[in-house]
Amino acid sequence: MKKGARGQTTLRKWGSMRGCHFQDVPGKKSICLRELFQADEWSGCQRICDEHREERCQYRAWDVDLRIEVVRKRSEMTDSCPGCGKRHENLVQLHACICRCRMVEAFKGSPDFLECGCTADLFEGAPATIRANLWRKLRAAVVERDRGVCQDCGKELGHLPKWYTEVHHIVPRMHGGGDHPMNLKTLCVECHRKYTNEMFFSRTERSDEAYQAARLFRK
């Protein structure tokens, strides 16, 4: 926050974050490296420092010795990427590269989805922002694998608006399902709605049963 010309409180422009020794990329939206001291591997660092978090952060650090220690530990993690074997400049690049390599490996041989789905997750350990970016690529790859056809009703989706095409998690995320080609299939919006309605009513029934049980318990 800062004061405007008339004393009004305004938001700082994007990219005007104050730097901190704990930021993976100082002064920009990036991973908070404070978790490096509790993490034994790269996937332990997932907290993103952005403008809003930086405003109220209580752990801002400027100590030179601490900076050297942070850089040293980050270098150990980014020195040799498990995905490509190369060195990356920061943990954001490392997270993204590992997830991309997992995706390429998962699609080798164009694996089909499993009827029962699976719980494997290509993006396990990655921060939410990286998951969101890579999900778009994974979604497009699944639609291409399924040749743009609804896997339940067989409807051709290529000539229809993009919003009409859905990529469905066979095992829902809320039940432990992951973002993996074997757990994803292409559906038209009508077929996908059947699954979401089924999940909604199933949850509602369980909630009603729990409510009735609680009422009996209170009596």
Protein backbone atom coordinates (compact mmCIF):
# COMPACT_ATOMS: atom_id res chain seq x y z
CA MET A 1 0.00 0.00 0.00
CA LYS A 2 1.06 3.65 -0.51
CA LYS A 3 -0.47 7.10 -0.23
CA GLY A 4 -1.75 8.77 -3.37
CA ALA A 5 -1.54 12.48 -4.26
CA ARG A 6 -4.59 13.28 -2.14
CA GLY A 7 -3.67 11.06 0.76
CA GLN A 8 -5.75 8.17 -0.58
CA THR A 9 -4.49 4.63 -0.02
CA THR A 10 -3.73 2.87 -3.30
CA LEU A 11 -2.22 -0.46 -4.30
CA ARG A 12 1.33 -0.54 -5.57
CA LYS A 13 1.65 -1.45 -9.20
CA TRP A 14 2.40 -5.07 -10.07
CA GLY A 15 6.14 -5.74 -10.08
CA SER A 16 6.89 -3.11 -7.39
CA MET A 17 7.34 -5.64 -4.57
CA ARG A 18 10.06 -4.87 -2.05
CA GLY A 19 12.94 -7.29 -2.27
CA CYS A 20 13.78 -9.79 0.46
CA HIS A 21 16.58 -12.34 0.88
CA PHE A 22 13.97 -15.08 1.21
CA GLN A 23 12.45 -14.42 -2.25
CA ASP A 24 13.51 -16.88 -4.95
CA VAL A 25 13.50 -13.98 -7.44
CA PRO A 26 13.92 -10.80 -5.32
CA GLY A 27 11.30 -8.14 -5.98
CA LYS A 28 9.06 -10.43 -8.05
CA LYS A 29 6.34 -12.99 -7.39
CA SER A 30 8.27 -16.16 -6.55
CA ILE A 31 8.78 -18.96 -4.04
CA CYS A 32 9.55 -18.04 -0.42
CA LEU A 33 12.91 -19.61 0.42
CA ARG A 34 12.36 -19.44 4.18
CA GLU A 35 11.05 -23.00 3.87
CA LEU A 36 14.45 -24.14 2.56
CA PHE A 37 15.58 -24.51 6.15
CA GLN A 38 12.79 -26.99 6.92
CA ALA A 39 12.81 -28.77 3.52
CA ASP A 40 15.04 -31.69 2.62
CA GLU A 41 14.21 -31.52 -1.09
CA TRP A 42 12.97 -29.07 -3.74
CA SER A 43 9.30 -30.13 -3.38
CA GLY A 44 9.27 -28.88 0.21
CA CYS A 45 9.26 -25.24 -0.98
CA GLN A 46 5.80 -24.36 -2.23
CA ARG A 47 4.78 -21.11 -0.53
CA ILE A 48 4.50 -18.28 -3.06
CA CYS A 49 5.49 -14.75 -2.05
CA ASP A 50 3.41 -12.18 -3.93
CA GLU A 51 2.46 -8.53 -3.42
CA HIS A 52 -0.28 -9.33 -0.91
CA ARG A 53 1.79 -11.76 1.17
CA GLU A 54 4.83 -9.49 1.07
CA GLU A 55 2.77 -6.61 2.51
CA ARG A 56 2.14 -8.44 5.79
CA CYS A 57 5.16 -10.78 5.99
CA GLN A 58 6.80 -10.91 9.42
CA TYR A 59 9.93 -12.71 8.27
CA ARG A 60 11.55 -10.22 5.89
CA ALA A 61 15.32 -10.71 6.04
CA TRP A 62 18.29 -8.58 4.99
CA ASP A 63 21.14 -10.19 6.92
CA VAL A 64 24.10 -10.85 4.59
CA ASP A 65 25.12 -14.12 6.28
CA LEU A 66 21.56 -15.40 5.97
CA ARG A 67 21.50 -14.43 2.29
CA ILE A 68 24.69 -16.43 1.68
CA GLU A 69 23.20 -19.46 3.43
CA VAL A 70 19.94 -19.22 1.43
CA VAL A 71 21.83 -18.95 -1.87
CA ARG A 72 24.08 -21.87 -0.93
CA LYS A 73 21.19 -24.17 -0.12
CA ARG A 74 19.20 -23.13 -3.19
CA SER A 75 22.25 -23.81 -5.36
CA GLU A 76 22.48 -27.34 -3.96
CA MET A 77 18.87 -27.98 -5.02
CA THR A 78 19.02 -26.33 -8.46
CA ASP A 79 22.50 -27.58 -9.43
CA SER A 80 21.26 -30.74 -11.16
CA CYS A 81 17.61 -30.97 -12.21
CA PRO A 82 16.12 -34.49 -11.72
CA GLY A 83 14.17 -33.93 -14.94
CA CYS A 84 16.66 -32.60 -17.50
CA GLY A 85 19.93 -32.90 -15.57
CA LYS A 86 20.79 -29.22 -16.15
CA ARG A 87 21.19 -26.36 -13.70
CA HIS A 88 18.35 -23.85 -13.17
CA GLU A 89 18.58 -20.30 -11.89
CA ASN A 90 15.81 -20.61 -9.32
CA LEU A 91 13.31 -23.02 -7.77
CA VAL A 92 10.40 -21.82 -9.92
CA GLN A 93 12.27 -22.95 -13.04
CA LEU A 94 13.20 -26.22 -11.32
CA HIS A 95 9.59 -26.99 -10.33
CA ALA A 96 8.31 -26.21 -13.84
CA CYS A 97 11.00 -28.27 -15.60
CA ILE A 98 10.46 -31.37 -13.45
CA CYS A 99 6.70 -31.24 -14.03
CA ARG A 100 7.15 -30.79 -17.80
CA CYS A 101 9.53 -33.77 -17.94
CA ARG A 102 7.02 -35.89 -15.99
CA MET A 103 4.33 -34.90 -18.48
CA VAL A 104 6.46 -35.88 -21.50
CA GLU A 105 7.28 -39.22 -19.88
CA ALA A 106 3.63 -39.89 -19.00
CA PHE A 107 2.50 -39.44 -22.61
CA LYS A 108 5.13 -41.70 -24.14
CA GLY A 109 3.32 -44.37 -26.14
CA SER A 110 0.09 -42.31 -25.94
CA PRO A 111 -1.26 -44.09 -22.82
CA ASP A 112 -5.03 -44.32 -22.62
CA PHE A 113 -7.00 -43.48 -19.50
CA LEU A 114 -7.90 -46.20 -17.01
CA GLU A 115 -11.58 -46.91 -16.44
CA CYS A 116 -10.91 -46.93 -12.70
CA GLY A 117 -8.61 -43.91 -12.86
CA CYS A 118 -5.51 -43.50 -10.69
CA THR A 119 -4.08 -41.36 -7.90
CA ALA A 120 -0.71 -40.57 -9.52
CA ASP A 121 -0.07 -36.82 -9.83
CA LEU A 122 2.34 -35.32 -12.38
CA PHE A 123 2.46 -32.03 -10.49
CA GLU A 124 3.00 -33.40 -6.99
CA GLY A 125 4.99 -30.97 -4.88
CA ALA A 126 4.59 -28.03 -7.29
CA PRO A 127 3.22 -24.65 -6.15
CA ALA A 128 -0.34 -23.79 -7.16
CA THR A 129 0.71 -21.18 -9.72
CA ILE A 130 2.89 -23.68 -11.61
CA ARG A 131 0.12 -26.30 -11.45
CA ALA A 132 -2.32 -23.81 -12.99
CA ASN A 133 0.01 -23.02 -15.92
CA LEU A 134 0.90 -26.66 -16.64
CA TRP A 135 -2.70 -27.86 -16.25
CA ARG A 136 -3.62 -25.98 -19.45
CA LYS A 137 -0.92 -27.88 -21.36
CA LEU A 138 -1.92 -31.21 -19.82
CA ARG A 139 -5.58 -30.57 -20.63
CA ALA A 140 -4.74 -29.79 -24.28
CA ALA A 141 -2.58 -32.93 -24.51
CA VAL A 142 -5.41 -35.13 -23.15
CA VAL A 143 -7.90 -33.70 -25.66
CA GLU A 144 -5.39 -34.34 -28.48
CA ARG A 145 -4.81 -37.91 -27.25
CA ASP A 146 -8.57 -38.53 -27.31
CA ARG A 147 -8.74 -36.99 -30.80
CA GLY A 148 -11.24 -34.37 -29.67
CA VAL A 149 -13.99 -36.96 -29.12
CA CYS A 150 -16.17 -37.35 -26.02
CA GLN A 151 -15.11 -40.67 -24.51
CA ASP A 152 -18.62 -41.44 -23.20
CA CYS A 153 -21.01 -40.54 -26.03
CA GLY A 154 -18.58 -40.37 -28.98
CA LYS A 155 -19.50 -36.81 -29.97
CA GLU A 156 -16.99 -34.94 -32.16
CA LEU A 157 -15.95 -31.80 -30.27
CA GLY A 158 -13.45 -30.19 -32.65
CA HIS A 159 -16.02 -28.01 -34.44
CA LEU A 160 -17.75 -26.90 -31.23
CA PRO A 161 -16.84 -23.95 -28.94
CA LYS A 162 -13.92 -24.62 -26.54
CA TRP A 163 -16.14 -24.34 -23.46
CA TYR A 164 -18.08 -27.39 -24.71
CA THR A 165 -15.02 -29.62 -24.14
CA GLU A 166 -14.24 -30.81 -20.61
CA VAL A 167 -11.37 -32.89 -19.24
CA HIS A 168 -12.69 -35.09 -16.46
CA HIS A 169 -10.84 -36.49 -13.43
CA ILE A 170 -12.00 -40.13 -13.22
CA VAL A 171 -10.96 -40.29 -9.58
CA PRO A 172 -11.94 -36.81 -8.32
CA ARG A 173 -9.25 -34.61 -6.82
CA MET A 174 -11.22 -34.47 -3.57
CA HIS A 175 -10.96 -38.27 -3.36
CA GLY A 176 -7.22 -38.40 -3.99
CA GLY A 177 -7.23 -38.45 -7.79
CA GLY A 178 -4.30 -36.79 -9.53
CA ASP A 179 -3.47 -34.81 -12.65
CA HIS A 180 -2.27 -37.72 -14.76
CA PRO A 181 -3.23 -38.90 -18.30
CA MET A 182 -4.47 -42.23 -16.90
CA ASN A 183 -6.87 -40.36 -14.62
CA LEU A 184 -8.14 -37.93 -17.27
CA LYS A 185 -10.52 -38.29 -20.18
CA THR A 186 -12.21 -35.94 -22.62
CA LEU A 187 -15.96 -35.39 -22.25
CA CYS A 188 -18.59 -33.13 -23.73
CA VAL A 189 -20.19 -30.72 -21.28
CA GLU A 190 -23.40 -32.81 -21.03
CA CYS A 191 -21.58 -36.04 -20.13
CA HIS A 192 -19.35 -34.20 -17.67
CA ARG A 193 -22.40 -32.68 -16.00
CA LYS A 194 -23.71 -36.18 -15.25
CA TYR A 195 -20.59 -36.93 -13.19
CA THR A 196 -20.67 -33.61 -11.35
CA ASN A 197 -24.40 -34.03 -10.57
CA GLU A 198 -23.74 -37.55 -9.30
CA MET A 199 -20.96 -36.25 -7.01
CA PHE A 200 -23.15 -33.40 -5.76
CA PHE A 201 -26.09 -35.61 -4.87
CA SER A 202 -23.79 -38.21 -3.31
CA ARG A 203 -22.26 -35.53 -1.05
CA THR A 204 -25.72 -34.15 -0.23
CA GLU A 205 -26.99 -37.59 0.79
CA ARG A 206 -23.94 -38.13 3.02
CA SER A 207 -24.45 -34.71 4.57
CA ASP A 208 -28.13 -35.49 5.26
CA GLU A 209 -27.19 -38.81 6.85
CA ALA A 210 -24.58 -37.12 9.05
CA TYR A 211 -27.09 -34.41 10.02
CA GLN A 212 -29.74 -36.96 10.99
CA ALA A 213 -27.16 -38.95 12.98
CA ALA A 214 -26.08 -35.79 14.81
CA ARG A 215 -29.71 -34.98 15.64
CA LEU A 216 -30.26 -38.48 17.08
CA PHE A 217 -27.04 -38.15 19.09
CA ARG A 218 -28.17 -34.80 20.54
CA LYS A 219 -31.49 -36.37 21.59
